């Protein structure tokens, strides 16, 4: 599990949501025994928050000047919160519970990718033209692409497979030898070098 990290992309909050989030952080850290001496002092954050709230009200009923003041007050408050987040990180270290106790949001952990599914061949049928074979598979969850492969009978550990890449759930293989038995399979490739093979299926090509 990766070390927890505080999310400080406050521009993602609209003005009203940012006001509420700031109040929540101040309330959570006030009197919190884990944060006895915040840097910057909470009193500075409270003052900046009060100024921002007043500027926000003025901007709703004002013009460009009031909006510019509001933006300045918000930027000043964001800078204080970023410094406060650094203090929380210093105190909490890798303790996720302590970080969450500050009411700062944490960066979401990257979830591990699920294992790629085993490809399943629905059908292998002769095409309209001699030497053509149509392969159809179920959609493979997690696959970036598949290779539709074939090899002549008999099937052995040393069989050499030929094939074609595709991101589709079907493939028309052409120019195989009519009257000859072939084995068919699908190889699915996912992220992080994941590979999965279908069970082989045989058919005599017409």
N, C-alpha and C. Protein backbone atom coordinates (compact mmCIF):
# COMPACT_ATOMS: atom_id res chain seq x y z
N UNK A 1 0.84 -1.20 0.00
CA UNK A 1 0.00 0.00 0.00
C UNK A 1 0.88 1.25 0.00
N UNK A 2 0.56 2.18 -0.89
CA UNK A 2 1.36 3.41 -1.00
C UNK A 2 1.12 4.31 0.21
N UNK A 3 2.10 5.15 0.51
CA UNK A 3 1.94 6.10 1.60
C UNK A 3 0.84 7.09 1.27
N UNK A 4 0.02 7.44 2.26
CA UNK A 4 -1.07 8.39 2.00
C UNK A 4 -0.54 9.77 1.67
N UNK A 5 -1.27 10.49 0.85
CA UNK A 5 -0.85 11.82 0.43
C UNK A 5 -2.05 12.74 0.40
N UNK A 6 -1.88 13.94 0.95
CA UNK A 6 -2.97 14.91 1.01
C UNK A 6 -3.21 15.54 -0.37
N UNK A 7 -4.46 15.67 -0.70
CA UNK A 7 -4.85 16.27 -1.98
C UNK A 7 -4.97 17.78 -1.79
N UNK A 8 -4.21 18.53 -2.57
CA UNK A 8 -4.22 19.99 -2.41
C UNK A 8 -4.60 20.71 -3.70
N UNK A 9 -5.35 20.04 -4.56
CA UNK A 9 -5.79 20.71 -5.79
C UNK A 9 -7.10 21.47 -5.51
N UNK A 10 -7.00 22.48 -4.66
CA UNK A 10 -8.18 23.26 -4.27
C UNK A 10 -8.88 23.94 -5.44
N UNK A 11 -8.18 24.25 -6.55
CA UNK A 11 -8.91 24.82 -7.69
C UNK A 11 -10.04 23.93 -8.19
N UNK A 12 -10.04 22.65 -7.80
CA UNK A 12 -11.12 21.76 -8.19
C UNK A 12 -12.43 22.06 -7.48
N UNK A 13 -12.38 22.86 -6.41
CA UNK A 13 -13.59 23.25 -5.69
C UNK A 13 -14.12 24.56 -6.26
N UNK A 14 -15.42 24.67 -6.43
CA UNK A 14 -15.97 25.98 -6.76
C UNK A 14 -15.89 26.86 -5.50
N UNK A 15 -16.19 28.13 -5.64
CA UNK A 15 -15.97 29.07 -4.53
C UNK A 15 -16.73 28.69 -3.26
N UNK A 16 -17.99 28.31 -3.41
CA UNK A 16 -18.79 27.96 -2.23
C UNK A 16 -18.29 26.68 -1.58
N UNK A 17 -17.97 25.68 -2.40
CA UNK A 17 -17.47 24.41 -1.87
C UNK A 17 -16.13 24.60 -1.18
N UNK A 18 -15.29 25.49 -1.72
CA UNK A 18 -14.00 25.77 -1.10
C UNK A 18 -14.20 26.42 0.27
N UNK A 19 -15.18 27.29 0.38
CA UNK A 19 -15.48 27.93 1.66
C UNK A 19 -15.88 26.89 2.69
N UNK A 20 -16.75 25.96 2.29
CA UNK A 20 -17.21 24.91 3.20
C UNK A 20 -16.05 23.99 3.59
N UNK A 21 -15.23 23.62 2.61
CA UNK A 21 -14.11 22.72 2.89
C UNK A 21 -13.14 23.35 3.88
N UNK A 22 -12.87 24.63 3.71
CA UNK A 22 -11.97 25.32 4.63
C UNK A 22 -12.52 25.30 6.04
N UNK A 23 -13.81 25.57 6.19
CA UNK A 23 -14.43 25.56 7.52
C UNK A 23 -14.35 24.18 8.15
N UNK A 24 -14.51 23.14 7.33
CA UNK A 24 -14.43 21.77 7.83
C UNK A 24 -13.04 21.45 8.35
N UNK A 25 -12.03 21.87 7.61
CA UNK A 25 -10.64 21.63 8.03
C UNK A 25 -10.33 22.37 9.33
N UNK A 26 -10.76 23.62 9.40
CA UNK A 26 -10.52 24.40 10.62
C UNK A 26 -11.17 23.74 11.82
N UNK A 27 -12.42 23.30 11.66
CA UNK A 27 -13.15 22.66 12.76
C UNK A 27 -12.47 21.36 13.19
N UNK A 28 -12.00 20.58 12.21
CA UNK A 28 -11.38 19.29 12.52
C UNK A 28 -10.04 19.44 13.23
N UNK A 29 -9.32 20.50 12.93
CA UNK A 29 -7.99 20.66 13.51
C UNK A 29 -8.00 21.47 14.79
N UNK A 30 -9.07 22.20 15.05
CA UNK A 30 -9.17 22.98 16.29
C UNK A 30 -9.28 22.04 17.49
N UNK A 31 -8.33 22.11 18.40
CA UNK A 31 -8.34 21.26 19.59
C UNK A 31 -7.95 19.83 19.31
N UNK A 32 -7.52 19.51 18.12
CA UNK A 32 -7.12 18.15 17.78
C UNK A 32 -5.77 17.85 18.42
N UNK A 33 -5.71 16.85 19.30
CA UNK A 33 -4.45 16.58 20.02
C UNK A 33 -3.30 16.17 19.12
N UNK A 34 -3.60 15.70 17.92
CA UNK A 34 -2.54 15.31 17.00
C UNK A 34 -1.82 16.52 16.40
N UNK A 35 -2.48 17.67 16.45
CA UNK A 35 -1.92 18.87 15.83
C UNK A 35 -1.89 20.02 16.84
N UNK A 36 -0.99 19.92 17.81
CA UNK A 36 -0.97 20.91 18.89
C UNK A 36 -0.47 22.30 18.47
N UNK A 37 0.41 22.36 17.50
CA UNK A 37 0.99 23.65 17.10
C UNK A 37 1.03 23.76 15.58
N UNK A 38 -0.12 23.96 14.96
CA UNK A 38 -0.19 24.00 13.50
C UNK A 38 0.69 25.10 12.89
N UNK A 39 1.24 24.79 11.73
CA UNK A 39 2.01 25.75 10.95
C UNK A 39 1.40 25.81 9.55
N UNK A 40 0.86 26.96 9.20
CA UNK A 40 0.72 28.22 9.95
C UNK A 40 -0.31 28.08 11.06
N UNK A 41 -0.31 29.00 12.02
CA UNK A 41 -1.28 28.94 13.11
C UNK A 41 -2.71 28.93 12.57
N UNK A 42 -3.59 28.20 13.24
CA UNK A 42 -4.98 28.15 12.80
C UNK A 42 -5.62 29.53 12.83
N UNK A 43 -5.13 30.38 13.72
CA UNK A 43 -5.69 31.74 13.79
C UNK A 43 -5.49 32.47 12.47
N UNK A 44 -4.34 32.23 11.81
CA UNK A 44 -4.08 32.85 10.51
C UNK A 44 -5.03 32.30 9.46
N UNK A 45 -5.28 31.00 9.53
CA UNK A 45 -6.19 30.37 8.57
C UNK A 45 -7.61 30.88 8.79
N UNK A 46 -8.01 31.02 10.05
CA UNK A 46 -9.35 31.52 10.37
C UNK A 46 -9.52 32.94 9.84
N UNK A 47 -8.52 33.78 10.06
CA UNK A 47 -8.61 35.17 9.58
C UNK A 47 -8.72 35.22 8.06
N UNK A 48 -7.90 34.42 7.38
CA UNK A 48 -7.95 34.40 5.93
C UNK A 48 -9.27 33.85 5.43
N UNK A 49 -9.82 32.87 6.14
CA UNK A 49 -11.10 32.29 5.77
C UNK A 49 -12.23 33.31 5.93
N UNK A 50 -12.17 34.09 7.02
CA UNK A 50 -13.18 35.12 7.27
C UNK A 50 -13.14 36.19 6.18
N UNK A 51 -11.92 36.58 5.80
CA UNK A 51 -11.78 37.59 4.74
C UNK A 51 -12.28 37.05 3.41
N UNK A 52 -12.00 35.79 3.15
CA UNK A 52 -12.46 35.20 1.90
C UNK A 52 -13.98 35.12 1.87
N UNK A 53 -14.60 34.71 2.98
CA UNK A 53 -16.06 34.61 3.02
C UNK A 53 -16.71 35.97 2.78
N UNK A 54 -16.14 37.02 3.38
CA UNK A 54 -16.69 38.36 3.17
C UNK A 54 -16.52 38.79 1.71
N UNK A 55 -15.37 38.48 1.12
CA UNK A 55 -15.12 38.84 -0.27
C UNK A 55 -16.03 38.06 -1.20
N UNK A 56 -16.36 36.82 -0.83
CA UNK A 56 -17.25 36.00 -1.63
C UNK A 56 -18.65 36.59 -1.68
N UNK A 57 -19.12 37.07 -0.54
CA UNK A 57 -20.43 37.71 -0.48
C UNK A 57 -20.44 38.98 -1.32
N UNK A 58 -19.37 39.77 -1.18
CA UNK A 58 -19.28 41.03 -1.93
C UNK A 58 -19.23 40.77 -3.43
N UNK A 59 -18.56 39.71 -3.83
CA UNK A 59 -18.42 39.41 -5.26
C UNK A 59 -19.74 39.00 -5.88
N UNK A 60 -20.61 38.39 -5.10
CA UNK A 60 -21.90 37.95 -5.64
C UNK A 60 -22.78 39.14 -6.02
N UNK A 61 -22.59 40.25 -5.33
CA UNK A 61 -23.42 41.42 -5.60
C UNK A 61 -22.63 42.57 -6.22
N UNK A 62 -21.34 42.31 -6.52
CA UNK A 62 -20.50 43.38 -7.03
C UNK A 62 -20.09 43.17 -8.47
N UNK A 63 -19.04 43.86 -8.86
CA UNK A 63 -18.56 43.80 -10.23
C UNK A 63 -17.19 43.18 -10.33
N UNK A 64 -16.42 43.63 -11.33
CA UNK A 64 -15.12 43.06 -11.59
C UNK A 64 -14.14 43.29 -10.44
N UNK A 65 -14.22 44.46 -9.82
CA UNK A 65 -13.30 44.77 -8.72
C UNK A 65 -13.51 43.81 -7.56
N UNK A 66 -14.78 43.61 -7.20
CA UNK A 66 -15.09 42.70 -6.08
C UNK A 66 -14.69 41.26 -6.42
N UNK A 67 -14.88 40.88 -7.68
CA UNK A 67 -14.50 39.52 -8.09
C UNK A 67 -12.98 39.33 -8.01
N UNK A 68 -12.24 40.37 -8.38
CA UNK A 68 -10.78 40.29 -8.32
C UNK A 68 -10.30 40.18 -6.88
N UNK A 69 -10.94 40.93 -5.97
CA UNK A 69 -10.58 40.85 -4.55
C UNK A 69 -10.87 39.46 -4.01
N UNK A 70 -12.01 38.93 -4.41
CA UNK A 70 -12.37 37.57 -3.98
C UNK A 70 -11.33 36.56 -4.43
N UNK A 71 -10.87 36.68 -5.67
CA UNK A 71 -9.86 35.76 -6.19
C UNK A 71 -8.55 35.89 -5.42
N UNK A 72 -8.19 37.11 -5.07
CA UNK A 72 -6.96 37.33 -4.31
C UNK A 72 -7.07 36.70 -2.92
N UNK A 73 -8.22 36.89 -2.28
CA UNK A 73 -8.42 36.32 -0.95
C UNK A 73 -8.42 34.79 -1.00
N UNK A 74 -9.00 34.26 -2.07
CA UNK A 74 -9.01 32.80 -2.20
C UNK A 74 -7.60 32.26 -2.39
N UNK A 75 -6.82 32.90 -3.24
CA UNK A 75 -5.44 32.47 -3.47
C UNK A 75 -4.63 32.49 -2.19
N UNK A 76 -4.81 33.55 -1.39
CA UNK A 76 -4.08 33.66 -0.13
C UNK A 76 -4.49 32.52 0.81
N UNK A 77 -5.78 32.20 0.84
CA UNK A 77 -6.26 31.12 1.71
C UNK A 77 -5.77 29.77 1.22
N UNK A 78 -5.77 29.56 -0.09
CA UNK A 78 -5.26 28.30 -0.64
C UNK A 78 -3.80 28.09 -0.26
N UNK A 79 -3.00 29.14 -0.34
CA UNK A 79 -1.58 29.03 0.01
C UNK A 79 -1.39 28.64 1.47
N UNK A 80 -2.21 29.20 2.34
CA UNK A 80 -2.13 28.83 3.76
C UNK A 80 -2.51 27.37 3.97
N UNK A 81 -3.54 26.92 3.26
CA UNK A 81 -3.98 25.53 3.41
C UNK A 81 -2.94 24.55 2.87
N UNK A 82 -2.25 24.93 1.82
CA UNK A 82 -1.19 24.07 1.29
C UNK A 82 -0.07 23.92 2.31
N UNK A 83 0.28 25.02 2.98
CA UNK A 83 1.29 24.96 4.04
C UNK A 83 0.79 24.14 5.22
N UNK A 84 -0.48 24.29 5.53
CA UNK A 84 -1.07 23.52 6.63
C UNK A 84 -1.08 22.04 6.30
N UNK A 85 -1.34 21.71 5.04
CA UNK A 85 -1.32 20.31 4.61
C UNK A 85 0.07 19.72 4.77
N UNK A 86 1.11 20.53 4.50
CA UNK A 86 2.48 20.06 4.68
C UNK A 86 2.76 19.76 6.15
N UNK A 87 2.22 20.59 7.03
CA UNK A 87 2.38 20.36 8.48
C UNK A 87 1.69 19.06 8.89
N UNK A 88 0.47 18.86 8.41
CA UNK A 88 -0.27 17.64 8.74
C UNK A 88 0.50 16.42 8.26
N UNK A 89 1.07 16.50 7.07
CA UNK A 89 1.84 15.39 6.53
C UNK A 89 3.07 15.11 7.40
N UNK A 90 3.72 16.16 7.86
CA UNK A 90 4.90 16.00 8.71
C UNK A 90 4.53 15.30 10.02
N UNK A 91 3.41 15.69 10.60
CA UNK A 91 2.99 15.10 11.88
C UNK A 91 2.48 13.67 11.69
N UNK A 92 1.68 13.45 10.66
CA UNK A 92 1.03 12.15 10.48
C UNK A 92 1.97 11.10 9.92
N UNK A 93 2.97 11.52 9.16
CA UNK A 93 3.85 10.53 8.54
C UNK A 93 3.07 9.66 7.58
N UNK A 94 3.02 8.38 7.88
CA UNK A 94 2.28 7.44 7.03
C UNK A 94 0.97 6.99 7.67
N UNK A 95 0.58 7.66 8.76
CA UNK A 95 -0.65 7.28 9.46
C UNK A 95 -1.86 7.90 8.76
N UNK A 96 -2.58 7.08 8.03
CA UNK A 96 -3.74 7.55 7.26
C UNK A 96 -4.83 8.10 8.17
N UNK A 97 -5.05 7.46 9.31
CA UNK A 97 -6.13 7.89 10.22
C UNK A 97 -5.89 9.30 10.73
N UNK A 98 -4.63 9.60 11.08
CA UNK A 98 -4.32 10.95 11.56
C UNK A 98 -4.53 11.96 10.46
N UNK A 99 -4.11 11.64 9.25
CA UNK A 99 -4.32 12.55 8.13
C UNK A 99 -5.81 12.82 7.92
N UNK A 100 -6.60 11.76 7.91
CA UNK A 100 -8.04 11.92 7.70
C UNK A 100 -8.67 12.74 8.82
N UNK A 101 -8.07 12.68 10.03
CA UNK A 101 -8.59 13.44 11.16
C UNK A 101 -8.47 14.94 10.98
N UNK A 102 -7.68 15.36 9.99
CA UNK A 102 -7.54 16.79 9.70
C UNK A 102 -8.63 17.30 8.77
N UNK A 103 -9.38 16.36 8.19
CA UNK A 103 -10.43 16.65 7.19
C UNK A 103 -9.89 17.09 5.83
N UNK A 104 -8.57 17.04 5.66
CA UNK A 104 -8.03 17.20 4.31
C UNK A 104 -8.40 15.94 3.51
N UNK A 105 -8.65 16.10 2.24
CA UNK A 105 -8.89 14.95 1.39
C UNK A 105 -7.55 14.30 1.05
N UNK A 106 -7.59 12.98 0.86
CA UNK A 106 -6.39 12.24 0.47
C UNK A 106 -6.48 11.84 -1.00
N UNK A 107 -5.32 11.78 -1.62
CA UNK A 107 -5.26 11.32 -3.00
C UNK A 107 -5.68 9.85 -3.04
N UNK A 108 -6.55 9.51 -3.97
CA UNK A 108 -7.04 8.14 -4.07
C UNK A 108 -5.90 7.21 -4.47
N UNK A 109 -5.88 6.05 -3.82
CA UNK A 109 -4.86 5.06 -4.16
C UNK A 109 -5.16 4.46 -5.52
N UNK A 110 -4.12 4.20 -6.27
CA UNK A 110 -4.29 3.52 -7.55
C UNK A 110 -4.64 2.06 -7.29
N UNK A 111 -5.76 1.64 -7.82
CA UNK A 111 -6.21 0.28 -7.59
C UNK A 111 -5.49 -0.69 -8.53
N UNK A 112 -5.10 -1.85 -7.99
CA UNK A 112 -4.44 -2.84 -8.85
C UNK A 112 -5.39 -3.32 -9.93
N UNK A 113 -4.84 -3.59 -11.10
CA UNK A 113 -5.66 -4.06 -12.20
C UNK A 113 -6.11 -5.50 -11.94
N UNK A 114 -7.37 -5.81 -12.23
CA UNK A 114 -7.81 -7.20 -12.07
C UNK A 114 -7.14 -8.08 -13.10
N UNK A 115 -6.98 -9.37 -12.80
CA UNK A 115 -6.35 -10.26 -13.79
C UNK A 115 -7.20 -10.34 -15.05
N UNK A 116 -6.53 -10.42 -16.19
CA UNK A 116 -7.23 -10.50 -17.46
C UNK A 116 -7.99 -11.82 -17.54
N UNK A 117 -9.17 -11.80 -18.16
CA UNK A 117 -9.98 -13.00 -18.28
C UNK A 117 -9.38 -13.95 -19.31
N UNK A 118 -9.68 -15.22 -19.16
CA UNK A 118 -9.29 -16.22 -20.15
C UNK A 118 -10.22 -16.09 -21.36
N UNK A 119 -9.67 -15.95 -22.56
CA UNK A 119 -10.52 -15.83 -23.74
C UNK A 119 -11.36 -17.09 -23.94
N UNK A 120 -12.58 -16.88 -24.41
CA UNK A 120 -13.47 -18.00 -24.70
C UNK A 120 -13.90 -17.93 -26.17
N UNK A 121 -13.62 -18.99 -26.91
CA UNK A 121 -14.02 -19.05 -28.31
C UNK A 121 -15.47 -19.49 -28.40
N UNK A 122 -16.30 -18.66 -29.04
CA UNK A 122 -17.72 -19.01 -29.21
C UNK A 122 -17.90 -19.96 -30.38
N UNK A 123 -17.23 -19.64 -31.48
CA UNK A 123 -17.35 -20.53 -32.64
C UNK A 123 -16.17 -20.34 -33.59
N UNK A 124 -15.89 -21.42 -34.31
CA UNK A 124 -14.92 -21.42 -35.40
C UNK A 124 -15.62 -22.07 -36.57
N UNK A 125 -15.94 -21.29 -37.60
CA UNK A 125 -16.73 -21.81 -38.72
C UNK A 125 -16.04 -21.46 -40.04
N UNK A 126 -16.34 -22.24 -41.07
CA UNK A 126 -15.81 -21.95 -42.39
C UNK A 126 -16.44 -20.69 -42.95
N UNK A 127 -15.64 -19.93 -43.68
CA UNK A 127 -16.15 -18.73 -44.31
C UNK A 127 -16.82 -19.02 -45.63
N UNK A 128 -17.21 -17.96 -46.32
CA UNK A 128 -17.88 -18.11 -47.61
C UNK A 128 -16.93 -18.67 -48.66
N UNK A 129 -15.71 -18.19 -48.65
CA UNK A 129 -14.72 -18.62 -49.63
C UNK A 129 -13.88 -19.77 -49.10
N UNK A 130 -13.43 -20.63 -50.00
CA UNK A 130 -12.57 -21.74 -49.62
C UNK A 130 -11.30 -21.22 -48.94
N UNK A 131 -10.94 -21.88 -47.86
CA UNK A 131 -9.74 -21.49 -47.13
C UNK A 131 -9.95 -20.40 -46.10
N UNK A 132 -11.20 -19.91 -45.99
CA UNK A 132 -11.50 -18.87 -45.01
C UNK A 132 -12.13 -19.48 -43.76
N UNK A 133 -11.75 -18.98 -42.59
CA UNK A 133 -12.30 -19.43 -41.31
C UNK A 133 -12.65 -18.21 -40.47
N UNK A 134 -13.87 -18.21 -39.95
CA UNK A 134 -14.31 -17.12 -39.09
C UNK A 134 -14.23 -17.56 -37.63
N UNK A 135 -13.51 -16.78 -36.83
CA UNK A 135 -13.42 -17.03 -35.39
C UNK A 135 -14.19 -15.94 -34.64
N UNK A 136 -14.99 -16.35 -33.66
CA UNK A 136 -15.77 -15.42 -32.84
C UNK A 136 -15.51 -15.76 -31.37
N UNK A 137 -15.22 -14.72 -30.57
CA UNK A 137 -14.95 -14.93 -29.15
C UNK A 137 -15.85 -14.04 -28.30
N UNK A 138 -15.93 -14.38 -27.03
CA UNK A 138 -16.59 -13.48 -26.09
C UNK A 138 -15.66 -12.32 -25.79
N UNK A 139 -16.24 -11.17 -25.48
CA UNK A 139 -15.42 -10.00 -25.14
C UNK A 139 -14.56 -10.34 -23.92
N UNK A 140 -13.27 -10.06 -24.04
CA UNK A 140 -12.33 -10.39 -22.96
C UNK A 140 -12.14 -9.15 -22.09
N UNK A 141 -12.64 -9.20 -20.86
CA UNK A 141 -12.53 -8.07 -19.94
C UNK A 141 -11.06 -7.83 -19.60
N UNK A 142 -10.62 -6.59 -19.76
CA UNK A 142 -9.25 -6.22 -19.41
C UNK A 142 -8.26 -6.37 -20.54
N UNK A 143 -8.71 -6.84 -21.71
CA UNK A 143 -7.78 -7.05 -22.83
C UNK A 143 -7.61 -5.77 -23.64
N UNK A 144 -6.37 -5.47 -24.02
CA UNK A 144 -6.09 -4.34 -24.92
C UNK A 144 -6.21 -4.78 -26.37
N UNK A 145 -5.79 -5.99 -26.63
CA UNK A 145 -5.94 -6.55 -27.97
C UNK A 145 -5.78 -8.06 -27.90
N UNK A 146 -6.14 -8.73 -28.99
CA UNK A 146 -6.06 -10.18 -29.06
C UNK A 146 -5.34 -10.59 -30.33
N UNK A 147 -4.76 -11.79 -30.30
CA UNK A 147 -4.18 -12.38 -31.51
C UNK A 147 -4.94 -13.67 -31.79
N UNK A 148 -5.54 -13.72 -32.96
CA UNK A 148 -6.25 -14.92 -33.41
C UNK A 148 -5.22 -15.80 -34.12
N UNK A 149 -4.99 -16.99 -33.57
CA UNK A 149 -3.90 -17.84 -34.06
C UNK A 149 -4.41 -19.17 -34.62
N UNK A 150 -3.59 -19.75 -35.47
CA UNK A 150 -3.90 -21.07 -36.02
C UNK A 150 -2.60 -21.82 -36.29
N UNK A 151 -2.70 -23.13 -36.23
CA UNK A 151 -1.55 -23.98 -36.52
C UNK A 151 -2.07 -25.30 -37.09
N UNK A 152 -1.37 -25.92 -38.04
CA UNK A 152 -1.85 -27.17 -38.62
C UNK A 152 -1.77 -28.34 -37.65
N UNK A 153 -2.68 -29.28 -37.85
CA UNK A 153 -2.68 -30.52 -37.07
C UNK A 153 -1.46 -31.37 -37.49
N UNK A 154 -0.83 -32.13 -36.59
CA UNK A 154 -1.23 -32.37 -35.20
C UNK A 154 -0.75 -31.26 -34.26
N UNK A 155 -1.45 -31.10 -33.16
CA UNK A 155 -1.10 -30.09 -32.17
C UNK A 155 -0.08 -30.67 -31.20
N UNK A 156 1.07 -30.03 -31.10
CA UNK A 156 2.12 -30.48 -30.19
C UNK A 156 2.68 -29.28 -29.44
N UNK A 157 3.55 -29.57 -28.51
CA UNK A 157 4.19 -28.49 -27.75
C UNK A 157 5.09 -27.65 -28.63
N UNK A 158 5.50 -28.20 -29.76
CA UNK A 158 6.40 -27.47 -30.66
C UNK A 158 5.66 -26.84 -31.84
N UNK A 159 4.33 -26.86 -31.82
CA UNK A 159 3.57 -26.28 -32.92
C UNK A 159 3.88 -24.81 -33.07
N UNK A 160 3.98 -24.39 -34.33
CA UNK A 160 4.25 -22.97 -34.62
C UNK A 160 2.92 -22.30 -34.96
N UNK A 161 2.58 -21.28 -34.19
CA UNK A 161 1.30 -20.60 -34.36
C UNK A 161 1.49 -19.34 -35.22
N UNK A 162 0.60 -19.16 -36.15
CA UNK A 162 0.52 -17.93 -36.91
C UNK A 162 -0.77 -17.22 -36.53
N UNK A 163 -0.81 -15.90 -36.73
CA UNK A 163 -2.02 -15.21 -36.33
C UNK A 163 -2.08 -13.76 -36.74
N UNK A 164 -3.19 -13.13 -36.36
CA UNK A 164 -3.42 -11.73 -36.70
C UNK A 164 -3.94 -10.99 -35.47
N UNK A 165 -3.47 -9.75 -35.31
CA UNK A 165 -3.91 -8.90 -34.19
C UNK A 165 -5.28 -8.31 -34.48
N UNK A 166 -6.05 -8.09 -33.42
CA UNK A 166 -7.34 -7.42 -33.56
C UNK A 166 -7.82 -6.95 -32.21
N UNK A 167 -8.59 -5.87 -32.21
CA UNK A 167 -9.26 -5.42 -30.99
C UNK A 167 -10.74 -5.78 -31.03
N UNK A 168 -11.16 -6.51 -32.07
CA UNK A 168 -12.55 -6.90 -32.23
C UNK A 168 -12.79 -8.31 -31.67
N UNK A 169 -14.06 -8.67 -31.55
CA UNK A 169 -14.40 -9.98 -30.99
C UNK A 169 -14.58 -11.04 -32.08
N UNK A 170 -14.15 -10.74 -33.29
CA UNK A 170 -14.20 -11.74 -34.36
C UNK A 170 -13.08 -11.45 -35.36
N UNK A 171 -12.72 -12.50 -36.09
CA UNK A 171 -11.63 -12.38 -37.06
C UNK A 171 -11.86 -13.39 -38.18
N UNK A 172 -11.71 -12.93 -39.42
CA UNK A 172 -11.78 -13.81 -40.58
C UNK A 172 -10.35 -14.13 -41.02
N UNK A 173 -9.96 -15.38 -40.86
CA UNK A 173 -8.65 -15.84 -41.28
C UNK A 173 -8.76 -16.35 -42.71
N UNK A 174 -7.84 -15.93 -43.56
CA UNK A 174 -7.94 -16.27 -44.99
C UNK A 174 -6.74 -17.09 -45.46
N UNK A 175 -6.99 -17.75 -46.59
CA UNK A 175 -5.93 -18.46 -47.32
C UNK A 175 -5.34 -19.63 -46.56
N UNK A 176 -6.16 -20.31 -45.75
CA UNK A 176 -5.72 -21.56 -45.16
C UNK A 176 -5.90 -22.67 -46.19
N UNK A 177 -5.28 -23.80 -45.96
CA UNK A 177 -5.32 -24.90 -46.94
C UNK A 177 -6.62 -25.68 -46.81
N UNK A 178 -7.39 -25.72 -47.87
CA UNK A 178 -8.67 -26.43 -47.86
C UNK A 178 -8.44 -27.94 -47.64
N UNK A 179 -9.37 -28.54 -46.88
CA UNK A 179 -9.31 -29.97 -46.61
C UNK A 179 -8.33 -30.35 -45.53
N UNK A 180 -7.67 -29.38 -44.95
CA UNK A 180 -6.68 -29.65 -43.91
C UNK A 180 -7.23 -29.27 -42.54
N UNK A 181 -6.84 -30.04 -41.54
CA UNK A 181 -7.27 -29.77 -40.16
C UNK A 181 -6.32 -28.79 -39.50
N UNK A 182 -6.90 -27.79 -38.85
CA UNK A 182 -6.13 -26.78 -38.13
C UNK A 182 -6.63 -26.69 -36.68
N UNK A 183 -5.74 -26.18 -35.85
CA UNK A 183 -6.13 -25.83 -34.48
C UNK A 183 -6.13 -24.31 -34.36
N UNK A 184 -7.09 -23.79 -33.58
CA UNK A 184 -7.26 -22.35 -33.44
C UNK A 184 -7.28 -21.97 -31.96
N UNK A 185 -6.72 -20.82 -31.67
CA UNK A 185 -6.77 -20.30 -30.30
C UNK A 185 -6.69 -18.77 -30.35
N UNK A 186 -6.95 -18.16 -29.20
CA UNK A 186 -6.87 -16.70 -29.07
C UNK A 186 -5.97 -16.36 -27.90
N UNK A 187 -5.06 -15.42 -28.12
CA UNK A 187 -4.19 -14.93 -27.06
C UNK A 187 -4.60 -13.49 -26.75
N UNK A 188 -4.96 -13.22 -25.50
CA UNK A 188 -5.38 -11.88 -25.09
C UNK A 188 -4.26 -11.21 -24.30
N UNK A 189 -4.04 -9.93 -24.60
CA UNK A 189 -3.00 -9.16 -23.92
C UNK A 189 -3.64 -8.01 -23.16
N UNK A 190 -3.27 -7.89 -21.88
CA UNK A 190 -3.77 -6.80 -21.05
C UNK A 190 -2.65 -5.87 -20.64
N UNK A 191 -2.93 -5.00 -19.69
CA UNK A 191 -1.91 -4.08 -19.17
C UNK A 191 -0.92 -4.84 -18.29
N UNK A 192 0.23 -4.20 -18.07
CA UNK A 192 1.27 -4.77 -17.21
C UNK A 192 1.67 -6.18 -17.66
N UNK A 193 1.73 -6.37 -18.97
CA UNK A 193 2.22 -7.61 -19.57
C UNK A 193 1.37 -8.83 -19.20
N UNK A 194 0.10 -8.62 -18.94
CA UNK A 194 -0.79 -9.74 -18.68
C UNK A 194 -1.11 -10.45 -20.00
N UNK A 195 -1.08 -11.79 -19.96
CA UNK A 195 -1.37 -12.60 -21.14
C UNK A 195 -2.27 -13.76 -20.72
N UNK A 196 -3.27 -14.06 -21.56
CA UNK A 196 -4.15 -15.19 -21.28
C UNK A 196 -4.46 -15.91 -22.59
N UNK A 197 -4.53 -17.25 -22.53
CA UNK A 197 -4.76 -18.07 -23.71
C UNK A 197 -6.11 -18.78 -23.61
N UNK A 198 -6.77 -18.89 -24.75
CA UNK A 198 -8.00 -19.67 -24.80
C UNK A 198 -7.63 -21.16 -24.95
N UNK A 199 -8.60 -22.02 -24.73
CA UNK A 199 -8.40 -23.43 -25.05
C UNK A 199 -8.40 -23.58 -26.58
N UNK A 200 -7.56 -24.45 -27.14
CA UNK A 200 -7.53 -24.60 -28.59
C UNK A 200 -8.75 -25.36 -29.10
N UNK A 201 -9.17 -24.99 -30.30
CA UNK A 201 -10.32 -25.61 -30.95
C UNK A 201 -9.88 -26.05 -32.35
N UNK A 202 -10.32 -27.25 -32.79
CA UNK A 202 -9.89 -27.75 -34.10
C UNK A 202 -11.04 -27.67 -35.11
N UNK A 203 -10.66 -27.61 -36.39
CA UNK A 203 -11.64 -27.62 -37.47
C UNK A 203 -10.93 -27.97 -38.78
N UNK A 204 -11.67 -28.71 -39.61
CA UNK A 204 -11.18 -28.99 -40.96
C UNK A 204 -11.65 -27.86 -41.87
N UNK A 205 -10.72 -27.21 -42.53
CA UNK A 205 -11.03 -26.06 -43.37
C UNK A 205 -11.57 -26.54 -44.71
N UNK A 206 -12.64 -25.92 -45.17
CA UNK A 206 -13.22 -26.27 -46.46
C UNK A 206 -12.68 -25.38 -47.56
